[in-house]
Structures are given as C-alpha cells and as structure tokens.
Amino acid sequence: MLAYFNDRPVGWLGFWPRENLERLAHSRTIPKIDDKPVWSIVCFKIQVGYRRKGIAKALLRGAIETAREFGAPAIEAYPIDPQGERIDVSLGYVGFIKMFEAAGFQRIVETSARSDGRTRILMRLTF
C-alpha cells in the first residue's frame, strides 16, 4: 500500500495474506497461532521529511480496511515496544506496539523474533 502527498509517494506498507508470504508462512521465530487465513503487516517505510506526520497511521487504517474488504477474518502485525526510547528508523520498520494498540490490535504472544534487540509481539485485530 502506498501513501502519497501532493502526488509524491511518501510511505509504503507491506501486507498480504500470511499464507502467501513464504518467509512468514514458514517462520520459526513468528508463530502461526491458529489456522485462520489472517493477513499480515510486515513492514513500513516512511520517506524522510514525512515521519511523525500520521503517514504510518493512515497506511495502517488502509491496510485494515483492505483486509476487511477482502474478507480476512483478522489482520496481524509483529511490532516492537521502544519503551520510550528513540529507535533507529531502519530497525523500527516493523512498527510500534502503541500505534497498533490505538488501532484496536490486541497483544497475543511474544515471539522469538527481534528487531533492534527488542522482542517482536504478535498482535491481532479480529474483524
């Protein structure tokens, strides 16, 4: 999914049905918790100069709406908790727990996956 500002692409969100994401479907660090055909959000990229302007939140809303429109029973994400610290952008590409909680996602389980040395949490929004 792309986000534009004045016809310029400024943000990108990677998501798709989990079973179609080969690396995630066979992941040993991010578990498949049930057999529901959930969609998964795997990464964000926001252009320098457009960060902290709500672009990631807008992309997240779009992903939720799209997954729902395509009949997904739920959408998952695997973000980190920065614990109030600033995180290198290249390591925060998975998103942050606070944004997902604000969108209604629930924490399901800690995974063994890491980003910036921090545990990634499997979070889910059920429709």
C-alpha atoms as a PDB file:
ATOM      1  CA  MET A   1       0.000   0.000   0.000  1.00  0.00           C
ATOM      2  CA  LEU A   2       1.313   3.450  -0.878  1.00  0.00           C
ATOM      3  CA  ALA A   3       0.716   6.840   0.720  1.00  0.00           C
ATOM      4  CA  TYR A   4       1.004   9.999  -1.355  1.00  0.00           C
ATOM      5  CA  PHE A   5       1.431  13.668  -0.521  1.00  0.00           C
ATOM      6  CA  ASN A   6       0.810  16.057  -3.453  1.00  0.00           C
ATOM      7  CA  ASP A   7       1.223  13.206  -5.961  1.00  0.00           C
ATOM      8  CA  ARG A   8       4.557  12.203  -4.383  1.00  0.00           C
ATOM      9  CA  PRO A   9       4.881   8.726  -2.798  1.00  0.00           C
ATOM     10  CA  VAL A  10       5.911   9.253   0.845  1.00  0.00           C
ATOM     11  CA  GLY A  11       5.051   5.962   2.535  1.00  0.00           C
ATOM     12  CA  TRP A  12       4.777   2.240   1.929  1.00  0.00           C
ATOM     13  CA  LEU A  13       3.270  -0.617   3.928  1.00  0.00           C
ATOM     14  CA  GLY A  14       3.881  -4.283   3.133  1.00  0.00           C
ATOM     15  CA  PHE A  15       0.970  -6.632   3.860  1.00  0.00           C
ATOM     16  CA  TRP A  16      -0.701  -9.668   2.334  1.00  0.00           C
ATOM     17  CA  PRO A  17      -2.386 -12.901   3.363  1.00  0.00           C
ATOM     18  CA  ARG A  18       0.046 -14.676   5.700  1.00  0.00           C
ATOM     19  CA  GLU A  19      -0.009 -17.926   3.719  1.00  0.00           C
ATOM     20  CA  ASN A  20       1.174 -16.020   0.609  1.00  0.00           C
ATOM     21  CA  LEU A  21       4.185 -14.559   2.422  1.00  0.00           C
ATOM     22  CA  GLU A  22       6.567 -17.508   2.032  1.00  0.00           C
ATOM     23  CA  ARG A  23       9.128 -16.399   4.605  1.00  0.00           C
ATOM     24  CA  LEU A  24       6.482 -15.643   7.216  1.00  0.00           C
ATOM     25  CA  ALA A  25       4.433 -18.763   6.472  1.00  0.00           C
ATOM     26  CA  HIS A  26       7.493 -20.884   7.362  1.00  0.00           C
ATOM     27  CA  SER A  27       8.935 -18.661  10.087  1.00  0.00           C
ATOM     28  CA  ARG A  28      10.461 -20.347  13.124  1.00  0.00           C
ATOM     29  CA  THR A  29      10.502 -17.079  15.088  1.00  0.00           C
ATOM     30  CA  ILE A  30       6.989 -15.730  14.438  1.00  0.00           C
ATOM     31  CA  PRO A  31       4.470 -18.471  15.199  1.00  0.00           C
ATOM     32  CA  LYS A  32       1.269 -19.257  13.380  1.00  0.00           C
ATOM     33  CA  ILE A  33      -1.184 -19.296  16.279  1.00  0.00           C
ATOM     34  CA  ASP A  34      -4.178 -20.847  14.510  1.00  0.00           C
ATOM     35  CA  ASP A  35      -5.478 -21.832  11.079  1.00  0.00           C
ATOM     36  CA  LYS A  36      -7.385 -18.601  10.377  1.00  0.00           C
ATOM     37  CA  PRO A  37      -6.434 -17.109   6.980  1.00  0.00           C
ATOM     38  CA  VAL A  38      -5.193 -13.853   8.526  1.00  0.00           C
ATOM     39  CA  TRP A  39      -3.456 -11.063   6.673  1.00  0.00           C
ATOM     40  CA  SER A  40      -0.073  -9.909   7.967  1.00  0.00           C
ATOM     41  CA  ILE A  41       1.554  -6.497   8.124  1.00  0.00           C
ATOM     42  CA  VAL A  42       5.278  -6.991   7.753  1.00  0.00           C
ATOM     43  CA  CYS A  43       6.865  -3.558   7.320  1.00  0.00           C
ATOM     44  CA  PHE A  44       6.544   0.198   6.936  1.00  0.00           C
ATOM     45  CA  LYS A  45       8.727   2.683   5.098  1.00  0.00           C
ATOM     46  CA  ILE A  46       8.114   6.411   5.516  1.00  0.00           C
ATOM     47  CA  GLN A  47      10.123   8.934   3.495  1.00  0.00           C
ATOM     48  CA  VAL A  48      12.473  11.216   5.428  1.00  0.00           C
ATOM     49  CA  GLY A  49      10.739  14.551   5.998  1.00  0.00           C
ATOM     50  CA  TYR A  50       7.314  12.913   6.295  1.00  0.00           C
ATOM     51  CA  ARG A  51       7.812  10.953   9.508  1.00  0.00           C
ATOM     52  CA  ARG A  52       5.749  11.795  12.604  1.00  0.00           C
ATOM     53  CA  LYS A  53       3.001  13.245  10.409  1.00  0.00           C
ATOM     54  CA  GLY A  54       0.483  10.383  10.629  1.00  0.00           C
ATOM     55  CA  ILE A  55       1.533   8.627   7.418  1.00  0.00           C
ATOM     56  CA  ALA A  56       2.073   5.240   9.121  1.00  0.00           C
ATOM     57  CA  LYS A  57      -1.300   5.520  10.886  1.00  0.00           C
ATOM     58  CA  ALA A  58      -3.018   6.307   7.599  1.00  0.00           C
ATOM     59  CA  LEU A  59      -1.325   3.319   5.948  1.00  0.00           C
ATOM     60  CA  LEU A  60      -2.392   1.117   8.855  1.00  0.00           C
ATOM     61  CA  ARG A  61      -6.025   2.265   8.512  1.00  0.00           C
ATOM     62  CA  GLY A  62      -5.861   1.494   4.790  1.00  0.00           C
ATOM     63  CA  ALA A  63      -4.449  -1.987   5.407  1.00  0.00           C
ATOM     64  CA  ILE A  64      -7.183  -2.743   7.946  1.00  0.00           C
ATOM     65  CA  GLU A  65      -9.909  -1.583   5.536  1.00  0.00           C
ATOM     66  CA  THR A  66      -8.417  -3.542   2.634  1.00  0.00           C
ATOM     67  CA  ALA A  67      -8.045  -6.786   4.587  1.00  0.00           C
ATOM     68  CA  ARG A  68     -11.612  -6.427   5.828  1.00  0.00           C
ATOM     69  CA  GLU A  69     -12.931  -5.737   2.300  1.00  0.00           C
ATOM     70  CA  PHE A  70     -11.186  -8.877   1.017  1.00  0.00           C
ATOM     71  CA  GLY A  71     -12.883 -10.970   3.704  1.00  0.00           C
ATOM     72  CA  ALA A  72      -9.939 -11.601   6.023  1.00  0.00           C
ATOM     73  CA  PRO A  73     -11.117 -12.724   9.468  1.00  0.00           C
ATOM     74  CA  ALA A  74      -8.266 -10.791  11.121  1.00  0.00           C
ATOM     75  CA  ILE A  75      -5.070  -8.875  10.467  1.00  0.00           C
ATOM     76  CA  GLU A  76      -1.803  -9.389  12.344  1.00  0.00           C
ATOM     77  CA  ALA A  77       1.347  -7.373  12.914  1.00  0.00           C
ATOM     78  CA  TYR A  78       4.649  -8.076  14.645  1.00  0.00           C
ATOM     79  CA  PRO A  79       5.847  -4.748  16.102  1.00  0.00           C
ATOM     80  CA  ILE A  80       8.268  -3.830  18.869  1.00  0.00           C
ATOM     81  CA  ASP A  81       7.908  -1.748  22.023  1.00  0.00           C
ATOM     82  CA  PRO A  82      10.505   1.063  22.003  1.00  0.00           C
ATOM     83  CA  GLN A  83       9.922   1.556  25.763  1.00  0.00           C
ATOM     84  CA  GLY A  84      10.079   5.333  25.411  1.00  0.00           C
ATOM     85  CA  GLU A  85      13.429   5.288  23.637  1.00  0.00           C
ATOM     86  CA  ARG A  86      14.221   6.516  20.140  1.00  0.00           C
ATOM     87  CA  ILE A  87      14.805   3.672  17.736  1.00  0.00           C
ATOM     88  CA  ASP A  88      16.883   3.721  14.575  1.00  0.00           C
ATOM     89  CA  VAL A  89      14.377   4.005  11.730  1.00  0.00           C
ATOM     90  CA  SER A  90      15.902   1.072   9.888  1.00  0.00           C
ATOM     91  CA  LEU A  91      15.161  -1.140  12.916  1.00  0.00           C
ATOM     92  CA  GLY A  92      11.663   0.210  13.579  1.00  0.00           C
ATOM     93  CA  TYR A  93      10.362  -0.835  10.162  1.00  0.00           C
ATOM     94  CA  VAL A  94       8.113  -3.432  11.828  1.00  0.00           C
ATOM     95  CA  GLY A  95       6.097  -0.717  13.573  1.00  0.00           C
ATOM     96  CA  PHE A  96       5.496   0.071  17.221  1.00  0.00           C
ATOM     97  CA  ILE A  97       3.060  -1.508  19.652  1.00  0.00           C
ATOM     98  CA  LYS A  98       1.440   1.791  20.676  1.00  0.00           C
ATOM     99  CA  MET A  99       0.195   2.537  17.142  1.00  0.00           C
ATOM    100  CA  PHE A 100      -1.324  -0.926  16.777  1.00  0.00           C
ATOM    101  CA  GLU A 101      -2.984  -0.782  20.190  1.00  0.00           C
ATOM    102  CA  ALA A 102      -4.522   2.586  19.274  1.00  0.00           C
ATOM    103  CA  ALA A 103      -5.997   0.895  16.173  1.00  0.00           C
ATOM    104  CA  GLY A 104      -7.584  -1.859  18.295  1.00  0.00           C
ATOM    105  CA  PHE A 105      -4.999  -4.634  17.956  1.00  0.00           C
ATOM    106  CA  GLN A 106      -4.542  -6.950  20.935  1.00  0.00           C
ATOM    107  CA  ARG A 107      -1.250  -8.392  22.160  1.00  0.00           C
ATOM    108  CA  ILE A 108      -1.360 -12.138  21.589  1.00  0.00           C
ATOM    109  CA  VAL A 109       2.107 -13.568  22.246  1.00  0.00           C
ATOM    110  CA  GLU A 110       5.767 -12.610  22.463  1.00  0.00           C
ATOM    111  CA  THR A 111       7.683 -14.091  19.557  1.00  0.00           C
ATOM    112  CA  SER A 112      11.315 -15.121  19.419  1.00  0.00           C
ATOM    113  CA  ALA A 113      11.843 -12.623  16.570  1.00  0.00           C
ATOM    114  CA  ARG A 114      13.850  -9.492  17.364  1.00  0.00           C
ATOM    115  CA  SER A 115      14.323  -6.039  15.900  1.00  0.00           C
ATOM    116  CA  ASP A 116      16.882  -3.697  17.468  1.00  0.00           C
ATOM    117  CA  GLY A 117      17.359  -6.417  20.096  1.00  0.00           C
ATOM    118  CA  ARG A 118      13.745  -5.990  21.183  1.00  0.00           C
ATOM    119  CA  THR A 119      11.119  -8.699  21.235  1.00  0.00           C
ATOM    120  CA  ARG A 120       8.529  -8.529  18.488  1.00  0.00           C
ATOM    121  CA  ILE A 121       4.979  -9.045  19.719  1.00  0.00           C
ATOM    122  CA  LEU A 122       2.362 -10.852  17.634  1.00  0.00           C
ATOM    123  CA  MET A 123      -0.665  -8.546  17.679  1.00  0.00           C
ATOM    124  CA  ARG A 124      -4.027  -9.186  16.071  1.00  0.00           C
ATOM    125  CA  LEU A 125      -7.150  -7.256  15.155  1.00  0.00           C
ATOM    126  CA  THR A 126     -10.117  -9.590  14.640  1.00  0.00           C
ATOM    127  CA  PHE A 127     -12.971  -8.399  12.429  1.00  0.00           C
END
